[in-house]
């Protein structure tokens, strides 16, 4: 059985390319993230096919944000696909509405704290609250948990701090911005290796380009899985 601590981000151009990659990887990867970039090129159909026909777990990364009623209705509609994870922005009113929308399903609501592609300079340009990013991430995570989030999306550099929050008991931490040592950082600014992310408290690590851009995606995925099974990745998967 695949180690579902690894979630592969299918940030490829369309559903056809995504399905081709999933077929190449076979049983090596059991959990896939499908994001907003693929929404208009068959992403929901791919999510359903991978889930229903291939037995994969699916993380739908939509990062929903709107008024409460709209979010609740959107989540209720998405919950019919029996997907595993769905992201919304971490504002408490959004999280609470999403929790209502998912109430009759097993889909877990994950709150986005601060995107891993952003740094303090980016937040200043967006006129967001002063403070160090780790502190802001922890504050947003705690508020999201209180609003009913099943987990949060956060940089691996903040995983340890979030894991130590009283509100984080029994909750999921999913970390994008994970890069094996020696690989290109791409547009990510707050990164860590897979082993470090898990050691610091992450339940799942999200990896995309280092796998699907590799000459041999299956070998690249296996290398990450080996790292997740190494003594350096000593934090056991908690839930989900």
Protein backbone atom coordinates (compact mmCIF):
# COMPACT_ATOMS: atom_id res chain seq x y z
CA UNK A 1 0.00 0.00 0.00
CA UNK A 2 1.25 3.48 -0.88
CA UNK A 3 2.45 5.76 1.90
CA UNK A 4 -0.25 8.44 1.88
CA UNK A 5 1.93 10.89 3.73
CA UNK A 6 3.12 11.79 0.23
CA UNK A 7 0.57 13.76 -1.78
CA UNK A 8 1.53 14.36 -5.40
CA UNK A 9 0.47 17.75 -6.78
CA UNK A 10 -0.87 17.17 -10.27
CA UNK A 11 0.00 20.67 -11.48
CA UNK A 12 0.17 19.49 -15.07
CA UNK A 13 -1.57 21.24 -18.02
CA UNK A 14 -4.72 19.12 -18.24
CA UNK A 15 -6.57 16.03 -17.04
CA UNK A 16 -5.17 13.88 -19.85
CA UNK A 17 -1.58 14.58 -18.73
CA UNK A 18 -2.61 14.01 -15.11
CA UNK A 19 -4.10 10.61 -15.84
CA UNK A 20 -1.04 9.63 -17.88
CA UNK A 21 1.23 10.50 -14.96
CA UNK A 22 -0.95 8.59 -12.50
CA UNK A 23 -0.75 5.54 -14.76
CA UNK A 24 3.05 5.81 -14.90
CA UNK A 25 3.25 6.03 -11.11
CA UNK A 26 0.81 3.17 -10.58
CA UNK A 27 0.70 1.93 -6.97
CA UNK A 28 3.69 4.07 -5.96
CA UNK A 29 1.49 7.09 -5.19
CA UNK A 30 -1.93 6.79 -3.60
CA UNK A 31 -2.84 10.41 -2.89
CA UNK A 32 -3.15 13.20 -5.47
CA UNK A 33 -3.72 16.94 -5.24
CA UNK A 34 -5.72 18.60 -8.00
CA UNK A 35 -5.65 22.38 -7.92
CA UNK A 36 -7.35 25.42 -9.35
CA UNK A 37 -5.06 25.50 -12.38
CA UNK A 38 -6.63 22.30 -13.71
CA UNK A 39 -10.22 23.25 -12.93
CA UNK A 40 -10.97 24.37 -16.50
CA UNK A 41 -9.11 21.48 -18.14
CA UNK A 42 -10.95 18.51 -16.68
CA UNK A 43 -9.75 18.61 -13.07
CA UNK A 44 -13.02 17.57 -11.43
CA UNK A 45 -13.52 14.74 -13.91
CA UNK A 46 -9.97 13.56 -13.25
CA UNK A 47 -10.53 13.74 -9.49
CA UNK A 48 -13.63 11.58 -9.83
CA UNK A 49 -11.91 9.09 -12.15
CA UNK A 50 -8.86 8.69 -9.93
CA UNK A 51 -11.09 8.27 -6.87
CA UNK A 52 -13.78 5.98 -8.24
CA UNK A 53 -11.91 3.93 -10.83
CA UNK A 54 -8.36 3.84 -9.49
CA UNK A 55 -8.97 3.91 -5.74
CA UNK A 56 -6.82 6.99 -5.13
CA UNK A 57 -7.30 9.54 -2.38
CA UNK A 58 -7.95 13.06 -3.66
CA UNK A 59 -7.07 16.47 -2.27
CA UNK A 60 -9.02 19.18 -4.12
CA UNK A 61 -7.05 22.37 -3.67
CA UNK A 62 -9.57 25.11 -4.51
CA UNK A 63 -8.69 27.62 -1.76
CA UNK A 64 -12.30 28.80 -1.67
CA UNK A 65 -13.05 32.31 -0.45
CA UNK A 66 -16.40 34.11 -0.56
CA UNK A 67 -19.33 35.04 1.64
CA UNK A 68 -20.42 32.27 3.95
CA UNK A 69 -23.54 31.16 2.08
CA UNK A 70 -21.67 30.85 -1.20
CA UNK A 71 -18.85 28.85 0.36
CA UNK A 72 -21.31 26.55 2.12
CA UNK A 73 -23.19 25.83 -1.11
CA UNK A 74 -20.00 25.26 -3.09
CA UNK A 75 -18.64 22.84 -0.51
CA UNK A 76 -21.93 20.99 -0.29
CA UNK A 77 -21.82 20.50 -4.05
CA UNK A 78 -18.22 19.31 -4.01
CA UNK A 79 -18.89 16.90 -1.16
CA UNK A 80 -20.97 14.69 -3.48
CA UNK A 81 -17.75 13.56 -5.19
CA UNK A 82 -16.60 11.79 -1.99
CA UNK A 83 -13.21 13.48 -2.09
CA UNK A 84 -10.84 13.40 0.86
CA UNK A 85 -9.48 16.93 1.41
CA UNK A 86 -10.68 20.38 0.30
CA UNK A 87 -8.95 23.69 0.94
CA UNK A 88 -10.54 26.99 1.83
CA UNK A 89 -8.95 30.21 2.99
CA UNK A 90 -8.39 30.26 6.72
CA UNK A 91 -10.69 33.16 7.61
CA UNK A 92 -12.99 31.88 10.36
CA UNK A 93 -16.25 32.75 8.56
CA UNK A 94 -15.07 30.82 5.48
CA UNK A 95 -13.99 27.80 7.53
CA UNK A 96 -17.23 27.69 9.49
CA UNK A 97 -19.30 27.86 6.30
CA UNK A 98 -17.23 25.13 4.65
CA UNK A 99 -17.64 22.92 7.70
CA UNK A 100 -21.41 23.28 7.37
CA UNK A 101 -21.27 22.43 3.68
CA UNK A 102 -19.25 19.28 4.34
CA UNK A 103 -21.31 18.20 7.34
CA UNK A 104 -22.87 15.14 5.68
CA UNK A 105 -19.65 13.83 4.14
CA UNK A 106 -16.23 12.54 5.16
CA UNK A 107 -14.42 15.29 3.26
CA UNK A 108 -11.95 17.10 5.50
CA UNK A 109 -11.75 20.90 5.39
CA UNK A 110 -8.21 22.27 5.37
CA UNK A 111 -7.63 25.96 6.01
CA UNK A 112 -4.93 27.89 4.17
CA UNK A 113 -2.92 30.00 6.60
CA UNK A 114 -0.42 31.98 4.49
CA UNK A 115 0.62 30.75 1.05
CA UNK A 116 4.10 29.22 1.03
CA UNK A 117 5.03 31.36 -1.99
CA UNK A 118 4.69 34.54 0.09
CA UNK A 119 7.16 36.29 2.36
CA UNK A 120 6.87 39.34 4.62
CA UNK A 121 7.48 41.72 1.72
CA UNK A 122 4.53 40.19 -0.15
CA UNK A 123 2.29 40.59 2.88
CA UNK A 124 3.30 44.25 3.22
CA UNK A 125 2.33 44.89 -0.40
CA UNK A 126 -1.04 43.30 0.30
CA UNK A 127 -1.53 45.54 3.35
CA UNK A 128 -1.76 42.56 5.66
CA UNK A 129 -1.20 42.67 9.41
CA UNK A 130 2.28 43.43 10.71
CA UNK A 131 4.21 40.65 12.40
CA UNK A 132 6.51 37.76 11.69
CA UNK A 133 5.08 35.14 9.35
CA UNK A 134 5.43 32.21 11.80
CA UNK A 135 3.44 34.16 14.39
CA UNK A 136 0.74 35.10 11.90
CA UNK A 137 0.50 31.52 10.62
CA UNK A 138 0.07 30.19 14.16
CA UNK A 139 -2.59 32.77 14.93
CA UNK A 140 -4.53 31.99 11.74
CA UNK A 141 -4.20 28.25 12.36
CA UNK A 142 -5.59 28.52 15.89
CA UNK A 143 -8.56 30.59 14.68
CA UNK A 144 -9.22 28.14 11.84
CA UNK A 145 -9.19 25.17 14.22
CA UNK A 146 -11.62 26.97 16.52
CA UNK A 147 -13.91 27.60 13.52
CA UNK A 148 -14.02 23.88 12.75
CA UNK A 149 -11.16 23.17 10.33
CA UNK A 150 -10.01 19.55 10.24
CA UNK A 151 -6.50 20.74 9.48
CA UNK A 152 -4.40 23.47 7.98
CA UNK A 153 -2.12 24.07 5.03
CA UNK A 154 1.12 25.63 6.17
CA UNK A 155 4.77 25.91 5.27
CA UNK A 156 6.92 23.11 6.70
CA UNK A 157 8.84 25.84 8.50
CA UNK A 158 5.75 26.52 10.63
CA UNK A 159 4.65 22.90 11.15
CA UNK A 160 6.35 22.49 14.51
CA UNK A 161 4.83 25.66 15.97
CA UNK A 162 1.35 24.71 14.80
CA UNK A 163 1.69 21.15 16.08
CA UNK A 164 2.36 22.54 19.55
CA UNK A 165 -0.82 24.64 19.61
CA UNK A 166 -3.43 23.32 22.07
CA UNK A 167 -6.03 23.77 19.32
CA UNK A 168 -4.06 21.45 17.01
CA UNK A 169 -4.77 18.31 19.02
CA UNK A 170 -6.07 15.67 16.61
CA UNK A 171 -5.84 18.02 13.63
CA UNK A 172 -4.04 17.60 10.31
CA UNK A 173 -1.05 19.60 9.11
CA UNK A 174 -0.43 19.43 5.36
CA UNK A 175 2.71 21.05 4.03
CA UNK A 176 3.36 22.21 0.49
CA UNK A 177 6.69 23.89 -0.19
CA UNK A 178 8.45 20.55 0.30
CA UNK A 179 11.56 20.01 -1.78
CA UNK A 180 14.03 17.11 -1.64
CA UNK A 181 17.57 18.33 -0.95
CA UNK A 182 19.27 19.69 -4.05
CA UNK A 183 16.13 20.36 -6.10
CA UNK A 184 14.96 23.69 -7.54
CA UNK A 185 12.82 25.77 -5.17
CA UNK A 186 10.63 27.08 -8.02
CA UNK A 187 8.23 29.75 -6.71
CA UNK A 188 8.36 28.49 -3.12
CA UNK A 189 10.05 30.66 -0.48
CA UNK A 190 9.47 28.80 2.80
CA UNK A 191 10.61 25.22 2.22
CA UNK A 192 11.97 22.09 3.90
CA UNK A 193 12.87 18.54 2.93
CA UNK A 194 10.20 15.81 3.25
CA UNK A 195 11.89 14.24 6.27
CA UNK A 196 12.23 17.57 8.05
CA UNK A 197 8.59 18.49 7.40
CA UNK A 198 7.32 15.21 8.86
CA UNK A 199 9.74 15.38 11.75
CA UNK A 200 8.43 18.85 12.57
CA UNK A 201 4.82 17.68 12.75
CA UNK A 202 3.40 17.45 9.23
CA UNK A 203 0.96 14.61 8.56
CA UNK A 204 1.24 14.95 4.79
CA UNK A 205 3.78 16.55 2.46
CA UNK A 206 2.77 17.87 -0.96
CA UNK A 207 5.33 17.49 -3.74
CA UNK A 208 4.79 18.35 -7.39
CA UNK A 209 7.51 19.42 -9.79
CA UNK A 210 10.36 17.38 -8.26
CA UNK A 211 8.32 14.30 -9.23
CA UNK A 212 6.42 15.11 -12.42
CA UNK A 213 9.28 17.06 -14.03
CA UNK A 214 11.78 14.29 -13.28
CA UNK A 215 13.11 12.12 -16.10
CA UNK A 216 11.83 9.14 -14.12
CA UNK A 217 8.83 10.26 -12.02
CA UNK A 218 8.41 6.85 -10.38
CA UNK A 219 12.03 6.80 -9.16
CA UNK A 220 11.69 10.39 -7.92
CA UNK A 221 8.56 9.46 -5.96
CA UNK A 222 10.24 6.37 -4.53
CA UNK A 223 13.20 8.46 -3.35
CA UNK A 224 10.83 10.72 -1.41
CA UNK A 225 9.00 7.74 0.04
CA UNK A 226 12.31 6.28 1.20
CA UNK A 227 13.12 9.58 2.87
CA UNK A 228 9.74 9.57 4.63
CA UNK A 229 10.59 6.11 5.98
CA UNK A 230 14.04 7.16 7.18
CA UNK A 231 14.97 7.71 10.85
CA UNK A 232 15.08 11.46 10.13
CA UNK A 233 11.32 11.43 9.48
CA UNK A 234 10.47 10.30 12.97
CA UNK A 235 7.12 12.05 13.32
CA UNK A 236 4.40 9.40 12.87
CA UNK A 237 1.41 10.16 10.70
CA UNK A 238 -1.37 11.09 13.12
CA UNK A 239 -4.67 11.11 11.31
CA UNK A 240 -6.31 11.27 7.90
